[in-house]
Amino acid sequence: ERFDHLQTSVRKFLKRRRDFIEKGRGLSQLCKSDGGVFSYELTKSKSGWHPHCHMVVMLDPENPIDFPFNIRPVLHKPDAWSKLSPQDKKNEKALWKKYTDAVQES
């Protein structure tokens, strides 16, 4: 089920790029790529299987992907998260919301 969802999402992602190139609609940051390769990977841990995708894309150095790397919040490990105060947790959640909103706008 999770792998099917991943495949569907990647297909949609790539279709949006093709639609932009062929029909001029659906601009995304991937539209800036000149080409690339991707592969699916399934890893197994104690909590189960984790399907994910690795991509390498060719970009024009003069037109890089506009991704907000500089505002990405810290990803806390569960033990560190449990030590945060309720206010700190609230602040961290707000930072992640700001970050995900910025990523979706890119």
N, C-alpha and C. Protein backbone atom coordinates (compact mmCIF):
# COMPACT_ATOMS: atom_id res chain seq x y z
N GLU A 1 0.82 -1.20 0.00
CA GLU A 1 0.00 0.00 0.00
C GLU A 1 0.87 1.26 0.00
N ARG A 2 1.88 1.30 0.87
CA ARG A 2 2.75 2.49 0.94
C ARG A 2 3.58 2.64 -0.33
N PHE A 3 4.05 1.52 -0.88
CA PHE A 3 4.83 1.57 -2.11
C PHE A 3 3.96 2.04 -3.28
N ASP A 4 2.72 1.56 -3.35
CA ASP A 4 1.80 2.00 -4.40
C ASP A 4 1.57 3.51 -4.31
N HIS A 5 1.42 4.01 -3.09
CA HIS A 5 1.23 5.45 -2.90
C HIS A 5 2.46 6.21 -3.38
N LEU A 6 3.65 5.71 -3.06
CA LEU A 6 4.89 6.35 -3.49
C LEU A 6 4.97 6.38 -5.02
N GLN A 7 4.70 5.25 -5.66
CA GLN A 7 4.76 5.19 -7.12
C GLN A 7 3.77 6.17 -7.75
N THR A 8 2.56 6.22 -7.23
CA THR A 8 1.55 7.14 -7.74
C THR A 8 2.02 8.59 -7.60
N SER A 9 2.61 8.92 -6.47
CA SER A 9 3.10 10.28 -6.23
C SER A 9 4.23 10.65 -7.17
N VAL A 10 5.17 9.74 -7.39
CA VAL A 10 6.29 10.01 -8.29
C VAL A 10 5.79 10.17 -9.72
N ARG A 11 4.87 9.30 -10.14
CA ARG A 11 4.30 9.43 -11.49
C ARG A 11 3.63 10.79 -11.68
N LYS A 12 2.87 11.23 -10.68
CA LYS A 12 2.19 12.53 -10.75
C LYS A 12 3.22 13.66 -10.81
N PHE A 13 4.26 13.56 -10.02
CA PHE A 13 5.34 14.54 -9.99
C PHE A 13 5.98 14.68 -11.37
N LEU A 14 6.30 13.54 -11.99
CA LEU A 14 6.93 13.54 -13.31
C LEU A 14 5.95 13.99 -14.40
N LYS A 15 4.68 13.63 -14.27
CA LYS A 15 3.67 14.04 -15.24
C LYS A 15 3.52 15.56 -15.22
N ARG A 16 3.58 16.17 -14.05
CA ARG A 16 3.47 17.63 -13.98
C ARG A 16 4.62 18.29 -14.74
N ARG A 17 5.81 17.72 -14.64
CA ARG A 17 6.95 18.26 -15.38
C ARG A 17 6.71 18.13 -16.89
N ARG A 18 6.25 16.94 -17.32
CA ARG A 18 5.97 16.73 -18.75
C ARG A 18 4.87 17.68 -19.24
N ASP A 19 3.82 17.86 -18.43
CA ASP A 19 2.73 18.77 -18.81
C ASP A 19 3.24 20.20 -18.98
N PHE A 20 4.18 20.61 -18.13
CA PHE A 20 4.72 21.96 -18.27
C PHE A 20 5.54 22.07 -19.55
N ILE A 21 6.36 21.07 -19.82
CA ILE A 21 7.21 21.11 -21.01
C ILE A 21 6.36 21.05 -22.28
N GLU A 22 5.36 20.18 -22.31
CA GLU A 22 4.55 19.98 -23.51
C GLU A 22 3.42 20.99 -23.66
N LYS A 23 2.80 21.41 -22.55
CA LYS A 23 1.60 22.24 -22.63
C LYS A 23 1.73 23.58 -21.94
N GLY A 24 2.86 23.81 -21.23
CA GLY A 24 3.08 25.08 -20.57
C GLY A 24 2.26 25.30 -19.32
N ARG A 25 1.83 24.23 -18.66
CA ARG A 25 1.05 24.40 -17.44
C ARG A 25 1.62 23.53 -16.32
N GLY A 26 1.39 23.95 -15.07
CA GLY A 26 1.82 23.15 -13.93
C GLY A 26 3.26 23.35 -13.53
N LEU A 27 3.74 24.59 -13.54
CA LEU A 27 5.13 24.87 -13.19
C LEU A 27 5.47 24.38 -11.78
N SER A 28 6.58 23.67 -11.66
CA SER A 28 7.12 23.25 -10.37
C SER A 28 8.63 23.39 -10.45
N GLN A 29 9.29 23.22 -9.33
CA GLN A 29 10.75 23.33 -9.31
C GLN A 29 11.40 22.24 -10.17
N LEU A 30 10.76 21.07 -10.28
CA LEU A 30 11.31 20.00 -11.11
C LEU A 30 11.35 20.40 -12.58
N CYS A 31 10.51 21.34 -12.99
CA CYS A 31 10.49 21.80 -14.38
C CYS A 31 11.81 22.44 -14.78
N LYS A 32 12.60 22.86 -13.81
CA LYS A 32 13.90 23.47 -14.10
C LYS A 32 14.95 22.43 -14.48
N SER A 33 14.66 21.16 -14.29
CA SER A 33 15.65 20.12 -14.57
C SER A 33 15.73 19.84 -16.07
N ASP A 34 16.93 19.49 -16.51
CA ASP A 34 17.14 19.12 -17.91
C ASP A 34 17.02 17.61 -18.10
N GLY A 35 17.00 16.87 -17.02
CA GLY A 35 16.91 15.41 -17.07
C GLY A 35 17.34 14.84 -15.74
N GLY A 36 17.32 13.55 -15.64
CA GLY A 36 17.73 12.92 -14.39
C GLY A 36 17.38 11.46 -14.34
N VAL A 37 17.66 10.87 -13.22
CA VAL A 37 17.35 9.46 -12.98
C VAL A 37 16.77 9.33 -11.58
N PHE A 38 16.00 8.26 -11.37
CA PHE A 38 15.49 8.00 -10.03
C PHE A 38 15.37 6.50 -9.83
N SER A 39 15.33 6.12 -8.58
CA SER A 39 15.11 4.71 -8.25
C SER A 39 14.32 4.64 -6.96
N TYR A 40 13.61 3.55 -6.82
CA TYR A 40 12.88 3.29 -5.58
C TYR A 40 13.76 2.44 -4.68
N GLU A 41 13.62 2.64 -3.39
CA GLU A 41 14.34 1.81 -2.43
C GLU A 41 13.39 1.45 -1.30
N LEU A 42 13.49 0.22 -0.85
CA LEU A 42 12.72 -0.26 0.30
C LEU A 42 13.71 -0.65 1.38
N THR A 43 13.59 -0.04 2.53
CA THR A 43 14.45 -0.41 3.65
C THR A 43 13.58 -0.99 4.75
N LYS A 44 14.16 -1.92 5.49
CA LYS A 44 13.43 -2.57 6.57
C LYS A 44 14.08 -2.21 7.90
N SER A 45 13.24 -1.84 8.84
CA SER A 45 13.71 -1.55 10.19
C SER A 45 12.85 -2.31 11.18
N LYS A 46 13.07 -2.08 12.45
CA LYS A 46 12.28 -2.75 13.48
C LYS A 46 10.80 -2.42 13.36
N SER A 47 10.50 -1.19 12.90
CA SER A 47 9.11 -0.77 12.81
C SER A 47 8.44 -1.11 11.48
N GLY A 48 9.16 -1.76 10.57
CA GLY A 48 8.56 -2.19 9.30
C GLY A 48 9.32 -1.66 8.10
N TRP A 49 8.66 -1.74 6.96
CA TRP A 49 9.26 -1.33 5.69
C TRP A 49 9.08 0.16 5.46
N HIS A 50 10.10 0.76 4.81
CA HIS A 50 10.07 2.19 4.50
C HIS A 50 10.41 2.37 3.01
N PRO A 51 9.38 2.54 2.16
CA PRO A 51 9.66 2.80 0.74
C PRO A 51 9.98 4.28 0.54
N HIS A 52 10.96 4.56 -0.29
CA HIS A 52 11.30 5.94 -0.61
C HIS A 52 11.97 5.99 -1.98
N CYS A 53 12.19 7.20 -2.46
CA CYS A 53 12.71 7.41 -3.80
C CYS A 53 13.97 8.27 -3.73
N HIS A 54 14.96 7.91 -4.52
CA HIS A 54 16.16 8.73 -4.66
C HIS A 54 16.15 9.31 -6.07
N MET A 55 16.44 10.61 -6.19
CA MET A 55 16.49 11.26 -7.49
C MET A 55 17.77 12.06 -7.63
N VAL A 56 18.31 12.03 -8.83
CA VAL A 56 19.43 12.89 -9.20
C VAL A 56 18.98 13.61 -10.46
N VAL A 57 19.01 14.94 -10.43
CA VAL A 57 18.57 15.71 -11.58
C VAL A 57 19.69 16.61 -12.09
N MET A 58 19.68 16.84 -13.40
CA MET A 58 20.65 17.75 -14.01
C MET A 58 20.02 19.13 -14.06
N LEU A 59 20.75 20.12 -13.56
CA LEU A 59 20.25 21.49 -13.52
C LEU A 59 21.23 22.43 -14.20
N ASP A 60 20.69 23.52 -14.70
CA ASP A 60 21.51 24.60 -15.20
C ASP A 60 22.01 25.37 -13.97
N PRO A 61 23.32 25.51 -13.79
CA PRO A 61 23.84 26.22 -12.61
C PRO A 61 23.31 27.65 -12.50
N GLU A 62 22.89 28.23 -13.63
CA GLU A 62 22.36 29.59 -13.62
C GLU A 62 20.90 29.64 -13.18
N ASN A 63 20.25 28.48 -13.07
CA ASN A 63 18.83 28.43 -12.71
C ASN A 63 18.60 27.30 -11.70
N PRO A 64 19.15 27.41 -10.49
CA PRO A 64 19.03 26.33 -9.52
C PRO A 64 17.61 26.20 -8.95
N ILE A 65 17.35 25.06 -8.37
CA ILE A 65 16.07 24.83 -7.72
C ILE A 65 15.99 25.75 -6.51
N ASP A 66 14.87 26.42 -6.37
CA ASP A 66 14.65 27.37 -5.28
C ASP A 66 14.01 26.62 -4.12
N PHE A 67 14.83 26.08 -3.24
CA PHE A 67 14.36 25.28 -2.12
C PHE A 67 14.86 25.92 -0.84
N PRO A 68 14.01 26.14 0.14
CA PRO A 68 14.42 26.88 1.34
C PRO A 68 15.28 26.07 2.33
N PHE A 69 16.49 25.69 1.89
CA PHE A 69 17.37 24.92 2.76
C PHE A 69 17.74 25.69 4.02
N ASN A 70 17.82 27.01 3.91
CA ASN A 70 18.32 27.82 5.02
C ASN A 70 17.34 27.95 6.19
N ILE A 71 16.08 27.57 6.00
CA ILE A 71 15.13 27.71 7.11
C ILE A 71 14.65 26.36 7.64
N ARG A 72 15.28 25.26 7.22
CA ARG A 72 14.83 23.94 7.67
C ARG A 72 15.07 23.78 9.17
N PRO A 73 14.01 23.50 9.94
CA PRO A 73 14.18 23.32 11.38
C PRO A 73 14.94 22.03 11.71
N VAL A 74 15.35 21.94 12.95
CA VAL A 74 16.06 20.75 13.43
C VAL A 74 15.07 19.60 13.59
N LEU A 75 15.46 18.42 13.17
CA LEU A 75 14.64 17.24 13.38
C LEU A 75 15.11 16.59 14.68
N HIS A 76 14.28 16.66 15.70
CA HIS A 76 14.64 16.14 17.02
C HIS A 76 14.42 14.64 17.10
N LYS A 77 15.34 13.94 17.70
CA LYS A 77 15.14 12.51 18.00
C LYS A 77 14.09 12.42 19.10
N PRO A 78 13.36 11.28 19.18
CA PRO A 78 12.28 11.17 20.17
C PRO A 78 12.71 11.47 21.61
N ASP A 79 13.90 11.02 22.01
CA ASP A 79 14.32 11.29 23.39
C ASP A 79 14.58 12.79 23.61
N ALA A 80 15.12 13.48 22.60
CA ALA A 80 15.34 14.92 22.73
C ALA A 80 14.01 15.68 22.70
N TRP A 81 13.09 15.21 21.87
CA TRP A 81 11.78 15.85 21.78
C TRP A 81 11.04 15.78 23.12
N SER A 82 11.14 14.63 23.76
CA SER A 82 10.42 14.45 25.03
C SER A 82 10.95 15.37 26.13
N LYS A 83 12.17 15.88 25.98
CA LYS A 83 12.76 16.77 26.98
C LYS A 83 12.41 18.24 26.76
N LEU A 84 11.80 18.55 25.61
CA LEU A 84 11.43 19.94 25.34
C LEU A 84 10.22 20.34 26.17
N SER A 85 10.16 21.62 26.52
CA SER A 85 9.00 22.14 27.26
C SER A 85 7.81 22.22 26.30
N PRO A 86 6.60 22.28 26.84
CA PRO A 86 5.44 22.42 25.95
C PRO A 86 5.53 23.63 25.03
N GLN A 87 6.05 24.74 25.54
CA GLN A 87 6.19 25.94 24.69
C GLN A 87 7.21 25.72 23.59
N ASP A 88 8.33 25.05 23.92
CA ASP A 88 9.35 24.76 22.91
C ASP A 88 8.78 23.85 21.82
N LYS A 89 7.98 22.86 22.23
CA LYS A 89 7.36 21.96 21.25
C LYS A 89 6.42 22.75 20.34
N LYS A 90 5.66 23.66 20.92
CA LYS A 90 4.74 24.49 20.14
C LYS A 90 5.52 25.34 19.13
N ASN A 91 6.63 25.92 19.58
CA ASN A 91 7.47 26.73 18.69
C ASN A 91 8.06 25.88 17.56
N GLU A 92 8.53 24.69 17.89
CA GLU A 92 9.10 23.79 16.88
C GLU A 92 8.05 23.40 15.84
N LYS A 93 6.84 23.11 16.29
CA LYS A 93 5.77 22.75 15.37
C LYS A 93 5.44 23.93 14.45
N ALA A 94 5.47 25.14 14.98
CA ALA A 94 5.22 26.33 14.16
C ALA A 94 6.32 26.51 13.11
N LEU A 95 7.58 26.25 13.49
CA LEU A 95 8.69 26.34 12.53
C LEU A 95 8.52 25.33 11.41
N TRP A 96 8.13 24.10 11.76
CA TRP A 96 7.94 23.06 10.74
C TRP A 96 6.79 23.44 9.81
N LYS A 97 5.73 24.04 10.35
CA LYS A 97 4.61 24.46 9.50
C LYS A 97 5.08 25.54 8.53
N LYS A 98 5.83 26.51 9.03
CA LYS A 98 6.36 27.57 8.17
C LYS A 98 7.24 26.97 7.06
N TYR A 99 8.07 26.02 7.45
CA TYR A 99 8.98 25.38 6.49
C TYR A 99 8.20 24.60 5.43
N THR A 100 7.25 23.77 5.84
CA THR A 100 6.50 22.98 4.87
C THR A 100 5.66 23.86 3.95
N ASP A 101 5.13 24.96 4.49
CA ASP A 101 4.39 25.91 3.64
C ASP A 101 5.32 26.52 2.59
N ALA A 102 6.54 26.87 2.99
CA ALA A 102 7.51 27.45 2.06
C ALA A 102 7.91 26.44 0.99
N VAL A 103 8.08 25.19 1.38
CA VAL A 103 8.46 24.15 0.42
C VAL A 103 7.34 23.95 -0.60
N GLN A 104 6.10 23.94 -0.13
CA GLN A 104 4.97 23.73 -1.05
C GLN A 104 4.79 24.88 -2.02
N GLU A 105 5.19 26.08 -1.62
CA GLU A 105 5.10 27.23 -2.51
C GLU A 105 6.20 27.22 -3.55
N SER A 106 7.30 26.52 -3.28
CA SER A 106 8.44 26.49 -4.22
C SER A 106 8.11 25.78 -5.51
